[in-house]
Amino acid sequence: MQNDAPDGPHIIWQEDVFRVLKAHDIKHVVYVPDAGHSAAIRLSEADPDITAVVLTTEEEGIGYLAGAWLGGERGALLMQSSGVGNCINTLALQAMARFPLLMVVTMRGDWAEFNAWQNPMGQATEATLRSMGVMTWRADRPEDVEPLLHGAASMAFNGDAATAVLLGQRLIGEKKWVK
């Protein structure tokens, strides 16, 4: 699979994700592998101050981050929009326990999606998160990533809130099958 951004390759915004996580003293980055998060994952794995944990399914990350918070440390969950569907019931843990939950979601089933199986959850992601009490913001331009993620992290960690920044497919780039 190839990833082509609409106006050429951009990885600066991907590095912005990692920089904002570091600026907010994130010590745990939990994720299911995803190309859109590859830079933040790679940088997290290389950072000796961050514990990067590969999940088998996204909802495990919510419990992990609750435990990290109880242990006095901050974390972030990186996932794809299809993984949001896996988290719905587990989001009740955050709603009842009121711990900070910062999620960064790469969108599928969005602009120029080639895989029809991604469309249902991609179209429902934002409304689903909001219905579970998660505050959401959407970044479709590289210059929006840093300020939106900073704001979401501030609101999560200063207010024990659930927040999510949705990284739109136009930002990530069109995915195409390569033969």
C-alpha atoms as a PDB file:
ATOM      1  CA  MET A   1       0.000   0.000   0.000  1.00  0.00           C
ATOM      2  CA  GLN A   2       1.224   3.503  -0.798  1.00  0.00           C
ATOM      3  CA  ASN A   3       0.371   6.710   1.021  1.00  0.00           C
ATOM      4  CA  ASP A   4       0.169   9.886  -1.099  1.00  0.00           C
ATOM      5  CA  ALA A   5      -0.734  13.186   0.526  1.00  0.00           C
ATOM      6  CA  PRO A   6      -2.855  15.457  -1.690  1.00  0.00           C
ATOM      7  CA  ASP A   7      -0.122  18.086  -1.964  1.00  0.00           C
ATOM      8  CA  GLY A   8       2.969  15.920  -1.628  1.00  0.00           C
ATOM      9  CA  PRO A   9       4.542  13.933   1.188  1.00  0.00           C
ATOM     10  CA  HIS A  10       4.382  15.532   4.639  1.00  0.00           C
ATOM     11  CA  ILE A  11       5.865  13.994   7.734  1.00  0.00           C
ATOM     12  CA  ILE A  12       6.341  17.167   9.760  1.00  0.00           C
ATOM     13  CA  TRP A  13       2.839  16.853  11.251  1.00  0.00           C
ATOM     14  CA  GLN A  14       3.605  13.253  12.255  1.00  0.00           C
ATOM     15  CA  GLU A  15       6.632  14.471  14.174  1.00  0.00           C
ATOM     16  CA  ASP A  16       4.442  17.216  15.693  1.00  0.00           C
ATOM     17  CA  VAL A  17       2.338  14.458  17.258  1.00  0.00           C
ATOM     18  CA  PHE A  18       5.390  13.093  19.060  1.00  0.00           C
ATOM     19  CA  ARG A  19       6.631  16.566  20.074  1.00  0.00           C
ATOM     20  CA  VAL A  20       3.283  17.437  21.654  1.00  0.00           C
ATOM     21  CA  LEU A  21       3.200  14.127  23.529  1.00  0.00           C
ATOM     22  CA  LYS A  22       6.683  14.828  24.906  1.00  0.00           C
ATOM     23  CA  ALA A  23       5.752  18.400  25.824  1.00  0.00           C
ATOM     24  CA  HIS A  24       2.859  17.046  27.893  1.00  0.00           C
ATOM     25  CA  ASP A  25       5.123  14.608  29.765  1.00  0.00           C
ATOM     26  CA  ILE A  26       3.629  11.485  28.185  1.00  0.00           C
ATOM     27  CA  LYS A  27       5.417   8.423  29.590  1.00  0.00           C
ATOM     28  CA  HIS A  28       3.310   5.716  27.918  1.00  0.00           C
ATOM     29  CA  VAL A  29       2.322   5.470  24.256  1.00  0.00           C
ATOM     30  CA  VAL A  30       0.003   2.558  23.579  1.00  0.00           C
ATOM     31  CA  TYR A  31      -1.015   1.637  20.056  1.00  0.00           C
ATOM     32  CA  VAL A  32      -2.109  -0.856  17.462  1.00  0.00           C
ATOM     33  CA  PRO A  33       0.379  -0.542  14.558  1.00  0.00           C
ATOM     34  CA  ASP A  34      -0.766   1.978  11.952  1.00  0.00           C
ATOM     35  CA  ALA A  35       1.065   3.681   9.089  1.00  0.00           C
ATOM     36  CA  GLY A  36      -0.430   7.080   9.943  1.00  0.00           C
ATOM     37  CA  HIS A  37       1.123   6.895  13.409  1.00  0.00           C
ATOM     38  CA  SER A  38       4.413   5.361  12.252  1.00  0.00           C
ATOM     39  CA  ALA A  39       6.595   8.392  13.043  1.00  0.00           C
ATOM     40  CA  ALA A  40       5.154   8.874  16.548  1.00  0.00           C
ATOM     41  CA  ILE A  41       5.434   5.137  17.202  1.00  0.00           C
ATOM     42  CA  ARG A  42       9.030   4.962  15.972  1.00  0.00           C
ATOM     43  CA  LEU A  43      10.056   8.032  17.984  1.00  0.00           C
ATOM     44  CA  SER A  44       8.284   6.733  21.100  1.00  0.00           C
ATOM     45  CA  GLU A  45      10.002   3.367  20.829  1.00  0.00           C
ATOM     46  CA  ALA A  46      13.379   5.090  20.532  1.00  0.00           C
ATOM     47  CA  ASP A  47      12.809   7.419  23.501  1.00  0.00           C
ATOM     48  CA  PRO A  48      14.172   5.986  26.774  1.00  0.00           C
ATOM     49  CA  ASP A  49      11.668   8.073  28.788  1.00  0.00           C
ATOM     50  CA  ILE A  50       8.626   6.552  27.064  1.00  0.00           C
ATOM     51  CA  THR A  51       7.212   3.067  27.395  1.00  0.00           C
ATOM     52  CA  ALA A  52       5.750   2.157  23.989  1.00  0.00           C
ATOM     53  CA  VAL A  53       3.301  -0.749  24.159  1.00  0.00           C
ATOM     54  CA  VAL A  54       1.873  -2.638  21.188  1.00  0.00           C
ATOM     55  CA  LEU A  55      -1.740  -3.640  21.879  1.00  0.00           C
ATOM     56  CA  THR A  56      -3.592  -6.619  20.497  1.00  0.00           C
ATOM     57  CA  THR A  57      -6.781  -4.541  20.428  1.00  0.00           C
ATOM     58  CA  GLU A  58      -7.455  -0.865  21.046  1.00  0.00           C
ATOM     59  CA  GLU A  59      -9.686  -1.165  24.105  1.00  0.00           C
ATOM     60  CA  GLU A  60      -6.767  -2.638  26.061  1.00  0.00           C
ATOM     61  CA  GLY A  61      -5.174   0.795  25.811  1.00  0.00           C
ATOM     62  CA  ILE A  62      -7.912   2.453  27.855  1.00  0.00           C
ATOM     63  CA  GLY A  63      -7.345   0.113  30.806  1.00  0.00           C
ATOM     64  CA  TYR A  64      -3.600   0.442  30.444  1.00  0.00           C
ATOM     65  CA  LEU A  65      -3.790   4.242  30.526  1.00  0.00           C
ATOM     66  CA  ALA A  66      -6.099   4.158  33.564  1.00  0.00           C
ATOM     67  CA  GLY A  67      -3.451   2.103  35.355  1.00  0.00           C
ATOM     68  CA  ALA A  68      -0.655   4.414  34.235  1.00  0.00           C
ATOM     69  CA  TRP A  69      -2.592   7.393  35.599  1.00  0.00           C
ATOM     70  CA  LEU A  70      -3.178   5.609  38.922  1.00  0.00           C
ATOM     71  CA  GLY A  71       0.582   5.061  38.992  1.00  0.00           C
ATOM     72  CA  GLY A  72       1.160   8.790  38.518  1.00  0.00           C
ATOM     73  CA  GLU A  73       2.112   8.802  34.839  1.00  0.00           C
ATOM     74  CA  ARG A  74       0.536  10.146  31.671  1.00  0.00           C
ATOM     75  CA  GLY A  75      -0.128   8.255  28.477  1.00  0.00           C
ATOM     76  CA  ALA A  76      -1.748   8.441  25.063  1.00  0.00           C
ATOM     77  CA  LEU A  77      -3.609   5.944  22.890  1.00  0.00           C
ATOM     78  CA  LEU A  78      -2.798   5.963  19.163  1.00  0.00           C
ATOM     79  CA  MET A  79      -5.288   4.143  16.956  1.00  0.00           C
ATOM     80  CA  GLN A  80      -7.129   4.072  13.667  1.00  0.00           C
ATOM     81  CA  SER A  81     -10.809   5.003  13.369  1.00  0.00           C
ATOM     82  CA  SER A  82     -11.742   1.342  12.894  1.00  0.00           C
ATOM     83  CA  GLY A  83     -10.393   0.719  16.406  1.00  0.00           C
ATOM     84  CA  VAL A  84     -12.776   3.261  17.929  1.00  0.00           C
ATOM     85  CA  GLY A  85     -15.573   0.721  17.485  1.00  0.00           C
ATOM     86  CA  ASN A  86     -13.616  -1.712  19.645  1.00  0.00           C
ATOM     87  CA  CYS A  87     -13.405   0.856  22.465  1.00  0.00           C
ATOM     88  CA  ILE A  88     -17.036   1.859  22.931  1.00  0.00           C
ATOM     89  CA  ASN A  89     -17.870  -0.250  25.993  1.00  0.00           C
ATOM     90  CA  THR A  90     -14.449   0.365  27.554  1.00  0.00           C
ATOM     91  CA  LEU A  91     -14.944   4.136  27.306  1.00  0.00           C
ATOM     92  CA  ALA A  92     -17.416   3.693  30.187  1.00  0.00           C
ATOM     93  CA  LEU A  93     -14.370   3.137  32.426  1.00  0.00           C
ATOM     94  CA  GLN A  94     -13.197   6.693  31.733  1.00  0.00           C
ATOM     95  CA  ALA A  95     -16.699   8.112  32.089  1.00  0.00           C
ATOM     96  CA  MET A  96     -17.106   6.556  35.538  1.00  0.00           C
ATOM     97  CA  ALA A  97     -13.527   6.870  36.876  1.00  0.00           C
ATOM     98  CA  ARG A  98     -12.797  10.316  35.347  1.00  0.00           C
ATOM     99  CA  PHE A  99      -9.116   9.850  34.494  1.00  0.00           C
ATOM    100  CA  PRO A 100      -7.390  11.718  31.649  1.00  0.00           C
ATOM    101  CA  LEU A 101      -7.704   9.901  28.333  1.00  0.00           C
ATOM    102  CA  LEU A 102      -5.896  11.325  25.301  1.00  0.00           C
ATOM    103  CA  MET A 103      -6.532   9.560  21.998  1.00  0.00           C
ATOM    104  CA  VAL A 104      -5.035  10.325  18.590  1.00  0.00           C
ATOM    105  CA  VAL A 105      -7.091   8.699  15.834  1.00  0.00           C
ATOM    106  CA  THR A 106      -6.041   8.316  12.206  1.00  0.00           C
ATOM    107  CA  MET A 107      -9.143   8.310  10.052  1.00  0.00           C
ATOM    108  CA  ARG A 108     -10.158   5.697   7.512  1.00  0.00           C
ATOM    109  CA  GLY A 109     -13.498   5.523   5.714  1.00  0.00           C
ATOM    110  CA  ASP A 110     -13.030   9.191   5.051  1.00  0.00           C
ATOM    111  CA  TRP A 111     -11.948  11.168   1.973  1.00  0.00           C
ATOM    112  CA  ALA A 112     -10.800   8.953  -0.971  1.00  0.00           C
ATOM    113  CA  GLU A 113     -11.093   5.638   0.933  1.00  0.00           C
ATOM    114  CA  PHE A 114     -10.372   2.624  -1.277  1.00  0.00           C
ATOM    115  CA  ASN A 115     -11.512  -0.024   1.220  1.00  0.00           C
ATOM    116  CA  ALA A 116     -15.313  -0.034   1.595  1.00  0.00           C
ATOM    117  CA  TRP A 117     -15.028  -2.021   4.849  1.00  0.00           C
ATOM    118  CA  GLN A 118     -13.499   1.064   6.480  1.00  0.00           C
ATOM    119  CA  ASN A 119     -16.428   3.339   5.606  1.00  0.00           C
ATOM    120  CA  PRO A 120     -19.063   2.460   8.242  1.00  0.00           C
ATOM    121  CA  MET A 121     -16.871   3.051  11.306  1.00  0.00           C
ATOM    122  CA  GLY A 122     -14.978   5.881   9.635  1.00  0.00           C
ATOM    123  CA  GLN A 123     -18.231   7.740   9.074  1.00  0.00           C
ATOM    124  CA  ALA A 124     -19.439   7.009  12.632  1.00  0.00           C
ATOM    125  CA  THR A 125     -16.192   7.687  14.536  1.00  0.00           C
ATOM    126  CA  GLU A 126     -16.704  11.287  15.630  1.00  0.00           C
ATOM    127  CA  ALA A 127     -20.383  10.906  16.547  1.00  0.00           C
ATOM    128  CA  THR A 128     -19.644   7.669  18.400  1.00  0.00           C
ATOM    129  CA  LEU A 129     -16.864   9.225  20.461  1.00  0.00           C
ATOM    130  CA  ARG A 130     -19.023  12.242  21.283  1.00  0.00           C
ATOM    131  CA  SER A 131     -21.925  10.029  22.328  1.00  0.00           C
ATOM    132  CA  MET A 132     -19.566   8.446  24.881  1.00  0.00           C
ATOM    133  CA  GLY A 133     -18.589  11.855  26.278  1.00  0.00           C
ATOM    134  CA  VAL A 134     -15.289  12.237  24.421  1.00  0.00           C
ATOM    135  CA  MET A 135     -14.436  15.759  23.249  1.00  0.00           C
ATOM    136  CA  THR A 136     -13.183  15.649  19.657  1.00  0.00           C
ATOM    137  CA  TRP A 137     -11.295  17.886  17.252  1.00  0.00           C
ATOM    138  CA  ARG A 138     -10.434  17.153  13.634  1.00  0.00           C
ATOM    139  CA  ALA A 139      -7.176  18.020  11.863  1.00  0.00           C
ATOM    140  CA  ASP A 140      -7.245  18.016   8.078  1.00  0.00           C
ATOM    141  CA  ARG A 141      -4.248  20.309   7.525  1.00  0.00           C
ATOM    142  CA  PRO A 142      -0.674  19.827   8.793  1.00  0.00           C
ATOM    143  CA  GLU A 143      -0.672  23.174  10.590  1.00  0.00           C
ATOM    144  CA  ASP A 144      -3.726  22.138  12.657  1.00  0.00           C
ATOM    145  CA  VAL A 145      -2.173  19.047  14.243  1.00  0.00           C
ATOM    146  CA  GLU A 146       0.075  20.680  16.852  1.00  0.00           C
ATOM    147  CA  PRO A 147      -2.396  23.241  18.260  1.00  0.00           C
ATOM    148  CA  LEU A 148      -5.337  20.820  18.298  1.00  0.00           C
ATOM    149  CA  LEU A 149      -3.344  18.052  19.962  1.00  0.00           C
ATOM    150  CA  HIS A 150      -1.872  20.499  22.477  1.00  0.00           C
ATOM    151  CA  GLY A 151      -5.370  21.729  23.359  1.00  0.00           C
ATOM    152  CA  ALA A 152      -6.744  18.192  23.645  1.00  0.00           C
ATOM    153  CA  ALA A 153      -3.843  17.108  25.875  1.00  0.00           C
ATOM    154  CA  SER A 154      -4.279  20.183  28.071  1.00  0.00           C
ATOM    155  CA  MET A 155      -7.988  19.492  28.489  1.00  0.00           C
ATOM    156  CA  ALA A 156      -7.428  15.794  29.181  1.00  0.00           C
ATOM    157  CA  PHE A 157      -4.687  16.225  31.775  1.00  0.00           C
ATOM    158  CA  ASN A 158      -5.971  19.414  33.413  1.00  0.00           C
ATOM    159  CA  GLY A 159      -9.587  18.295  33.604  1.00  0.00           C
ATOM    160  CA  ASP A 160      -9.510  14.485  33.818  1.00  0.00           C
ATOM    161  CA  ALA A 161     -11.387  14.438  30.514  1.00  0.00           C
ATOM    162  CA  ALA A 162     -11.584  12.098  27.536  1.00  0.00           C
ATOM    163  CA  THR A 163     -10.335  13.812  24.382  1.00  0.00           C
ATOM    164  CA  ALA A 164      -9.555  12.741  20.840  1.00  0.00           C
ATOM    165  CA  VAL A 165      -7.883  14.404  17.886  1.00  0.00           C
ATOM    166  CA  LEU A 166      -9.011  12.907  14.599  1.00  0.00           C
ATOM    167  CA  LEU A 167      -6.342  13.026  11.895  1.00  0.00           C
ATOM    168  CA  GLY A 168      -8.316  13.206   8.654  1.00  0.00           C
ATOM    169  CA  GLN A 169      -7.503  11.121   5.621  1.00  0.00           C
ATOM    170  CA  ARG A 170      -6.779  14.246   3.569  1.00  0.00           C
ATOM    171  CA  LEU A 171      -4.002  15.026   6.066  1.00  0.00           C
ATOM    172  CA  ILE A 172      -2.687  11.456   6.108  1.00  0.00           C
ATOM    173  CA  GLY A 173      -2.916  11.087   2.352  1.00  0.00           C
ATOM    174  CA  GLU A 174      -4.788   8.908  -0.065  1.00  0.00           C
ATOM    175  CA  LYS A 175      -4.072   5.235   0.360  1.00  0.00           C
ATOM    176  CA  LYS A 176      -3.858   3.212  -2.830  1.00  0.00           C
ATOM    177  CA  TRP A 177      -3.362  -0.430  -3.592  1.00  0.00           C
ATOM    178  CA  VAL A 178       0.044  -1.023  -5.153  1.00  0.00           C
ATOM    179  CA  LYS A 179       0.345  -4.089  -7.336  1.00  0.00           C
END
